[in-house]
Amino acid sequence: MKLSKEWWQTVRFAIKEEGRTVRLISILVTVGVIAVVLIAASNGVSVAIG
């Protein structure tokens, strides 16, 4: 419960700080792009090998 409360406070603080929110969004987008690239790369390799 305590950990969840601290996490929520951190989230609220991040939302208040525009810069931190933008940074958080950019990090999430970067992680998503990397995941898509890895999936595309693995599929591309499979297609190339096949």
PDB file of N, CA and C in Angstrom:
ATOM      1  N   MET A   1       0.846  -1.200   0.000  1.00  0.00           N
ATOM      2  CA  MET A   1       0.000   0.000   0.000  1.00  0.00           C
ATOM      3  C   MET A   1       0.877   1.243   0.000  1.00  0.00           C
ATOM      4  N   LYS A   2       1.895   1.224   0.824  1.00  0.00           N
ATOM      5  CA  LYS A   2       2.787   2.374   0.910  1.00  0.00           C
ATOM      6  C   LYS A   2       3.493   2.606  -0.420  1.00  0.00           C
ATOM      7  N   LEU A   3       3.950   1.518  -1.037  1.00  0.00           N
ATOM      8  CA  LEU A   3       4.663   1.627  -2.305  1.00  0.00           C
ATOM      9  C   LEU A   3       3.744   2.217  -3.375  1.00  0.00           C
ATOM     10  N   SER A   4       2.481   1.755  -3.404  1.00  0.00           N
ATOM     11  CA  SER A   4       1.523   2.268  -4.375  1.00  0.00           C
ATOM     12  C   SER A   4       1.293   3.762  -4.160  1.00  0.00           C
ATOM     13  N   LYS A   5       1.193   4.177  -2.898  1.00  0.00           N
ATOM     14  CA  LYS A   5       0.964   5.590  -2.589  1.00  0.00           C
ATOM     15  C   LYS A   5       2.146   6.422  -3.063  1.00  0.00           C
ATOM     16  N   GLU A   6       3.359   5.955  -2.813  1.00  0.00           N
ATOM     17  CA  GLU A   6       4.544   6.688  -3.254  1.00  0.00           C
ATOM     18  C   GLU A   6       4.573   6.764  -4.775  1.00  0.00           C
ATOM     19  N   TRP A   7       4.211   5.651  -5.428  1.00  0.00           N
ATOM     20  CA  TRP A   7       4.198   5.617  -6.892  1.00  0.00           C
ATOM     21  C   TRP A   7       3.196   6.641  -7.419  1.00  0.00           C
ATOM     22  N   TRP A   8       2.007   6.700  -6.803  1.00  0.00           N
ATOM     23  CA  TRP A   8       0.969   7.635  -7.231  1.00  0.00           C
ATOM     24  C   TRP A   8       1.443   9.077  -7.048  1.00  0.00           C
ATOM     25  N   GLN A   9       2.121   9.355  -5.917  1.00  0.00           N
ATOM     26  CA  GLN A   9       2.641  10.703  -5.683  1.00  0.00           C
ATOM     27  C   GLN A   9       3.670  11.050  -6.750  1.00  0.00           C
ATOM     28  N   THR A  10       4.503  10.088  -7.116  1.00  0.00           N
ATOM     29  CA  THR A  10       5.510  10.320  -8.154  1.00  0.00           C
ATOM     30  C   THR A  10       4.833  10.623  -9.476  1.00  0.00           C
ATOM     31  N   VAL A  11       3.769   9.866  -9.785  1.00  0.00           N
ATOM     32  CA  VAL A  11       3.038  10.090 -11.037  1.00  0.00           C
ATOM     33  C   VAL A  11       2.416  11.481 -11.040  1.00  0.00           C
ATOM     34  N   ARG A  12       1.781  11.861  -9.926  1.00  0.00           N
ATOM     35  CA  ARG A  12       1.147  13.186  -9.846  1.00  0.00           C
ATOM     36  C   ARG A  12       2.197  14.276  -9.998  1.00  0.00           C
ATOM     37  N   PHE A  13       3.353  14.098  -9.372  1.00  0.00           N
ATOM     38  CA  PHE A  13       4.424  15.088  -9.465  1.00  0.00           C
ATOM     39  C   PHE A  13       4.904  15.191 -10.906  1.00  0.00           C
ATOM     40  N   ALA A  14       5.023  14.052 -11.584  1.00  0.00           N
ATOM     41  CA  ALA A  14       5.470  14.048 -12.977  1.00  0.00           C
ATOM     42  C   ALA A  14       4.456  14.772 -13.854  1.00  0.00           C
ATOM     43  N   ILE A  15       3.165  14.581 -13.550  1.00  0.00           N
ATOM     44  CA  ILE A  15       2.123  15.247 -14.334  1.00  0.00           C
ATOM     45  C   ILE A  15       2.199  16.757 -14.120  1.00  0.00           C
ATOM     46  N   LYS A  16       2.477  17.170 -12.888  1.00  0.00           N
ATOM     47  CA  LYS A  16       2.589  18.604 -12.611  1.00  0.00           C
ATOM     48  C   LYS A  16       3.763  19.208 -13.369  1.00  0.00           C
ATOM     49  N   GLU A  17       4.865  18.498 -13.421  1.00  0.00           N
ATOM     50  CA  GLU A  17       6.054  19.010 -14.107  1.00  0.00           C
ATOM     51  C   GLU A  17       5.957  18.682 -15.590  1.00  0.00           C
ATOM     52  N   GLU A  18       5.681  19.708 -16.405  1.00  0.00           N
ATOM     53  CA  GLU A  18       5.525  19.484 -17.839  1.00  0.00           C
ATOM     54  C   GLU A  18       6.755  18.843 -18.449  1.00  0.00           C
ATOM     55  N   GLY A  19       7.920  19.368 -18.099  1.00  0.00           N
ATOM     56  CA  GLY A  19       9.161  18.837 -18.655  1.00  0.00           C
ATOM     57  C   GLY A  19       9.318  17.365 -18.355  1.00  0.00           C
ATOM     58  N   ARG A  20       9.026  16.991 -17.109  1.00  0.00           N
ATOM     59  CA  ARG A  20       9.156  15.581 -16.735  1.00  0.00           C
ATOM     60  C   ARG A  20       8.128  14.734 -17.468  1.00  0.00           C
ATOM     61  N   THR A  21       6.921  15.278 -17.660  1.00  0.00           N
ATOM     62  CA  THR A  21       5.885  14.527 -18.373  1.00  0.00           C
ATOM     63  C   THR A  21       6.312  14.289 -19.808  1.00  0.00           C
ATOM     64  N   VAL A  22       6.819  15.338 -20.453  1.00  0.00           N
ATOM     65  CA  VAL A  22       7.275  15.207 -21.838  1.00  0.00           C
ATOM     66  C   VAL A  22       8.401  14.186 -21.911  1.00  0.00           C
ATOM     67  N   ARG A  23       9.300  14.231 -20.937  1.00  0.00           N
ATOM     68  CA  ARG A  23      10.415  13.280 -20.914  1.00  0.00           C
ATOM     69  C   ARG A  23       9.901  11.856 -20.735  1.00  0.00           C
ATOM     70  N   LEU A  24       8.917  11.685 -19.846  1.00  0.00           N
ATOM     71  CA  LEU A  24       8.341  10.362 -19.613  1.00  0.00           C
ATOM     72  C   LEU A  24       7.686   9.833 -20.884  1.00  0.00           C
ATOM     73  N   ILE A  25       6.912  10.701 -21.565  1.00  0.00           N
ATOM     74  CA  ILE A  25       6.250  10.299 -22.806  1.00  0.00           C
ATOM     75  C   ILE A  25       7.283   9.921 -23.858  1.00  0.00           C
ATOM     76  N   SER A  26       8.344  10.725 -23.977  1.00  0.00           N
ATOM     77  CA  SER A  26       9.375  10.442 -24.976  1.00  0.00           C
ATOM     78  C   SER A  26      10.048   9.106 -24.683  1.00  0.00           C
ATOM     79  N   ILE A  27      10.263   8.804 -23.399  1.00  0.00           N
ATOM     80  CA  ILE A  27      10.878   7.526 -23.026  1.00  0.00           C
ATOM     81  C   ILE A  27       9.946   6.374 -23.411  1.00  0.00           C
ATOM     82  N   LEU A  28       8.651   6.520 -23.121  1.00  0.00           N
ATOM     83  CA  LEU A  28       7.695   5.468 -23.465  1.00  0.00           C
ATOM     84  C   LEU A  28       7.647   5.272 -24.975  1.00  0.00           C
ATOM     85  N   VAL A  29       7.639   6.374 -25.733  1.00  0.00           N
ATOM     86  CA  VAL A  29       7.611   6.293 -27.196  1.00  0.00           C
ATOM     87  C   VAL A  29       8.865   5.597 -27.701  1.00  0.00           C
ATOM     88  N   THR A  30      10.023   5.970 -27.131  1.00  0.00           N
ATOM     89  CA  THR A  30      11.290   5.354 -27.548  1.00  0.00           C
ATOM     90  C   THR A  30      11.261   3.854 -27.301  1.00  0.00           C
ATOM     91  N   VAL A  31      10.784   3.448 -26.119  1.00  0.00           N
ATOM     92  CA  VAL A  31      10.707   2.016 -25.803  1.00  0.00           C
ATOM     93  C   VAL A  31       9.772   1.311 -26.786  1.00  0.00           C
ATOM     94  N   GLY A  32       8.642   1.938 -27.092  1.00  0.00           N
ATOM     95  CA  GLY A  32       7.695   1.344 -28.041  1.00  0.00           C
ATOM     96  C   GLY A  32       8.308   1.197 -29.420  1.00  0.00           C
ATOM     97  N   VAL A  33       9.015   2.227 -29.878  1.00  0.00           N
ATOM     98  CA  VAL A  33       9.654   2.182 -31.196  1.00  0.00           C
ATOM     99  C   VAL A  33      10.692   1.065 -31.236  1.00  0.00           C
ATOM    100  N   ILE A  34      11.489   0.960 -30.174  1.00  0.00           N
ATOM    101  CA  ILE A  34      12.514  -0.095 -30.116  1.00  0.00           C
ATOM    102  C   ILE A  34      11.845  -1.468 -30.187  1.00  0.00           C
ATOM    103  N   ALA A  35      10.741  -1.646 -29.468  1.00  0.00           N
ATOM    104  CA  ALA A  35      10.033  -2.931 -29.482  1.00  0.00           C
ATOM    105  C   ALA A  35       9.536  -3.237 -30.890  1.00  0.00           C
ATOM    106  N   VAL A  36       8.946  -2.241 -31.563  1.00  0.00           N
ATOM    107  CA  VAL A  36       8.442  -2.437 -32.931  1.00  0.00           C
ATOM    108  C   VAL A  36       9.587  -2.775 -33.873  1.00  0.00           C
ATOM    109  N   VAL A  37      10.705  -2.069 -33.734  1.00  0.00           N
ATOM    110  CA  VAL A  37      11.869  -2.321 -34.595  1.00  0.00           C
ATOM    111  C   VAL A  37      12.389  -3.739 -34.380  1.00  0.00           C
ATOM    112  N   LEU A  38      12.455  -4.168 -33.121  1.00  0.00           N
ATOM    113  CA  LEU A  38      12.932  -5.528 -32.832  1.00  0.00           C
ATOM    114  C   LEU A  38      12.000  -6.566 -33.450  1.00  0.00           C
ATOM    115  N   ILE A  39      10.691  -6.352 -33.325  1.00  0.00           N
ATOM    116  CA  ILE A  39       9.721  -7.290 -33.905  1.00  0.00           C
ATOM    117  C   ILE A  39       9.858  -7.297 -35.426  1.00  0.00           C
ATOM    118  N   ALA A  40       9.943  -6.111 -36.027  1.00  0.00           N
ATOM    119  CA  ALA A  40      10.090  -6.014 -37.480  1.00  0.00           C
ATOM    120  C   ALA A  40      11.390  -6.664 -37.930  1.00  0.00           C
ATOM    121  N   ALA A  41      12.456  -6.447 -37.173  1.00  0.00           N
ATOM    122  CA  ALA A  41      13.759  -7.025 -37.523  1.00  0.00           C
ATOM    123  C   ALA A  41      13.695  -8.547 -37.453  1.00  0.00           C
ATOM    124  N   SER A  42      13.092  -9.084 -36.394  1.00  0.00           N
ATOM    125  CA  SER A  42      13.007 -10.546 -36.260  1.00  0.00           C
ATOM    126  C   SER A  42      12.149 -11.120 -37.378  1.00  0.00           C
ATOM    127  N   ASN A  43      11.049 -10.434 -37.728  1.00  0.00           N
ATOM    128  CA  ASN A  43      10.201 -10.904 -38.824  1.00  0.00           C
ATOM    129  C   ASN A  43      10.957 -10.807 -40.141  1.00  0.00           C
ATOM    130  N   GLY A  44      11.690  -9.712 -40.325  1.00  0.00           N
ATOM    131  CA  GLY A  44      12.463  -9.531 -41.553  1.00  0.00           C
ATOM    132  C   GLY A  44      13.511 -10.613 -41.698  1.00  0.00           C
ATOM    133  N   VAL A  45      14.185 -10.934 -40.593  1.00  0.00           N
ATOM    134  CA  VAL A  45      15.204 -11.988 -40.621  1.00  0.00           C
ATOM    135  C   VAL A  45      14.554 -13.322 -40.950  1.00  0.00           C
ATOM    136  N   SER A  46      13.389 -13.588 -40.349  1.00  0.00           N
ATOM    137  CA  SER A  46      12.696 -14.852 -40.605  1.00  0.00           C
ATOM    138  C   SER A  46      12.311 -14.943 -42.078  1.00  0.00           C
ATOM    139  N   VAL A  47      11.788 -13.842 -42.630  1.00  0.00           N
ATOM    140  CA  VAL A  47      11.389 -13.827 -44.038  1.00  0.00           C
ATOM    141  C   VAL A  47      12.611 -14.011 -44.923  1.00  0.00           C
ATOM    142  N   ALA A  48      13.716 -13.334 -44.589  1.00  0.00           N
ATOM    143  CA  ALA A  48      14.937 -13.429 -45.389  1.00  0.00           C
ATOM    144  C   ALA A  48      15.466 -14.860 -45.372  1.00  0.00           C
ATOM    145  N   ILE A  49      15.457 -15.480 -44.194  1.00  0.00           N
ATOM    146  CA  ILE A  49      15.955 -16.858 -44.080  1.00  0.00           C
ATOM    147  C   ILE A  49      15.007 -17.811 -44.803  1.00  0.00           C
ATOM    148  N   GLY A  50      13.697 -17.580 -44.613  1.00  0.00           N
ATOM    149  CA  GLY A  50      12.713 -18.464 -45.232  1.00  0.00           C
ATOM    150  C   GLY A  50      12.705 -18.272 -46.730  1.00  0.00           C
TER     151      GLY A  50
END
